[in-house]
Amino acid sequence: MDKLEVLRKKIDTLDSALINLLHERLVIVKEVGMLKKERNIQPLDQSRWNQVLEKGLSQAKLLGMRREFIKIILDIIHEEALRIEA
């Protein structure tokens, strides 16, 4: 197996891990949504979202990743979480 194939295999493995992590996150989001409904809490907690976003952007900065890239990804994840919680 040449180096390109090895690297592509690593990317495939990481993509699979990312999808599994997103699935785990959304399972927890469903639980959060049920608790919020039981407690009559709105799906969007702007303060909490700001914390999550800032934490993610800070981590991205430490890793040398583009802020805009991470913000787009986190926004999409958040949008799906709100859809599930609603």
Protein backbone atom coordinates (compact mmCIF):
# COMPACT_ATOMS: atom_id res chain seq x y z
CA MET A 1 0.00 0.00 0.00
CA ASP A 2 1.48 3.35 -0.95
CA LYS A 3 1.52 6.47 1.19
CA LEU A 4 -1.51 8.03 -0.54
CA GLU A 5 -3.62 4.96 0.16
CA VAL A 6 -2.46 4.90 3.79
CA LEU A 7 -3.39 8.55 4.24
CA ARG A 8 -6.77 8.05 2.60
CA LYS A 9 -7.44 5.11 4.94
CA LYS A 10 -6.65 7.36 7.91
CA ILE A 11 -9.06 10.00 6.57
CA ASP A 12 -11.78 7.35 6.15
CA THR A 13 -11.24 6.19 9.73
CA LEU A 14 -11.41 9.75 11.05
CA ASP A 15 -14.55 10.50 9.01
CA SER A 16 -16.21 7.44 10.53
CA ALA A 17 -15.18 8.54 14.02
CA LEU A 18 -16.57 12.04 13.40
CA ILE A 19 -19.91 10.64 12.30
CA ASN A 20 -20.07 8.35 15.34
CA LEU A 21 -19.27 11.29 17.64
CA LEU A 22 -21.96 13.41 16.00
CA HIS A 23 -24.43 10.59 16.49
CA GLU A 24 -23.54 10.31 20.19
CA ARG A 25 -23.94 14.07 20.54
CA LEU A 26 -27.38 14.01 18.92
CA VAL A 27 -28.52 11.16 21.16
CA ILE A 28 -27.66 13.36 24.15
CA VAL A 29 -29.37 16.34 22.49
CA LYS A 30 -32.58 14.26 22.34
CA GLU A 31 -32.32 13.66 26.09
CA VAL A 32 -31.73 17.37 26.71
CA GLY A 33 -34.75 18.17 24.54
CA MET A 34 -36.98 15.83 26.56
CA LEU A 35 -35.81 17.38 29.83
CA LYS A 36 -36.38 20.87 28.49
CA LYS A 37 -39.92 19.93 27.43
CA GLU A 38 -40.64 18.43 30.85
CA ARG A 39 -39.39 21.61 32.49
CA ASN A 40 -41.04 23.92 29.95
CA ILE A 41 -37.68 25.38 28.84
CA GLN A 42 -37.21 26.79 25.35
CA PRO A 43 -34.81 24.88 23.04
CA LEU A 44 -32.51 27.89 22.55
CA ASP A 45 -30.45 28.98 25.53
CA GLN A 46 -28.46 31.82 23.98
CA SER A 47 -26.08 32.09 26.92
CA ARG A 48 -25.23 28.38 26.74
CA TRP A 49 -24.82 28.54 22.96
CA ASN A 50 -22.44 31.49 23.30
CA GLN A 51 -20.34 29.44 25.76
CA VAL A 52 -20.24 26.41 23.46
CA LEU A 53 -19.32 28.54 20.46
CA GLU A 54 -16.61 30.48 22.26
CA LYS A 55 -15.09 27.31 23.69
CA GLY A 56 -15.00 25.70 20.25
CA LEU A 57 -13.51 28.78 18.61
CA SER A 58 -10.85 29.07 21.32
CA GLN A 59 -9.89 25.43 20.89
CA ALA A 60 -9.73 25.89 17.12
CA LYS A 61 -7.45 28.89 17.53
CA LEU A 62 -5.08 26.88 19.74
CA LEU A 63 -4.94 24.20 17.06
CA GLY A 64 -4.31 26.71 14.28
CA MET A 65 -7.66 26.13 12.59
CA ARG A 66 -9.61 28.80 10.75
CA ARG A 67 -12.24 30.41 12.96
CA GLU A 68 -14.73 30.71 10.08
CA PHE A 69 -14.47 27.00 9.28
CA ILE A 70 -15.16 25.91 12.86
CA LYS A 71 -17.97 28.45 13.27
CA ILE A 72 -19.75 27.07 10.20
CA ILE A 73 -19.47 23.51 11.50
CA LEU A 74 -20.64 24.43 15.01
CA ASP A 75 -23.53 26.49 13.60
CA ILE A 76 -24.72 23.51 11.52
CA ILE A 77 -24.48 21.18 14.52
CA HIS A 78 -26.36 23.70 16.66
CA GLU A 79 -29.07 24.12 14.04
CA GLU A 80 -29.64 20.36 13.99
CA ALA A 81 -29.66 20.24 17.79
CA LEU A 82 -32.34 22.94 17.93
CA ARG A 83 -34.40 21.06 15.34
CA ILE A 84 -34.22 17.90 17.45
CA GLU A 85 -35.02 19.72 20.69
CA ALA A 86 -38.03 21.54 19.21
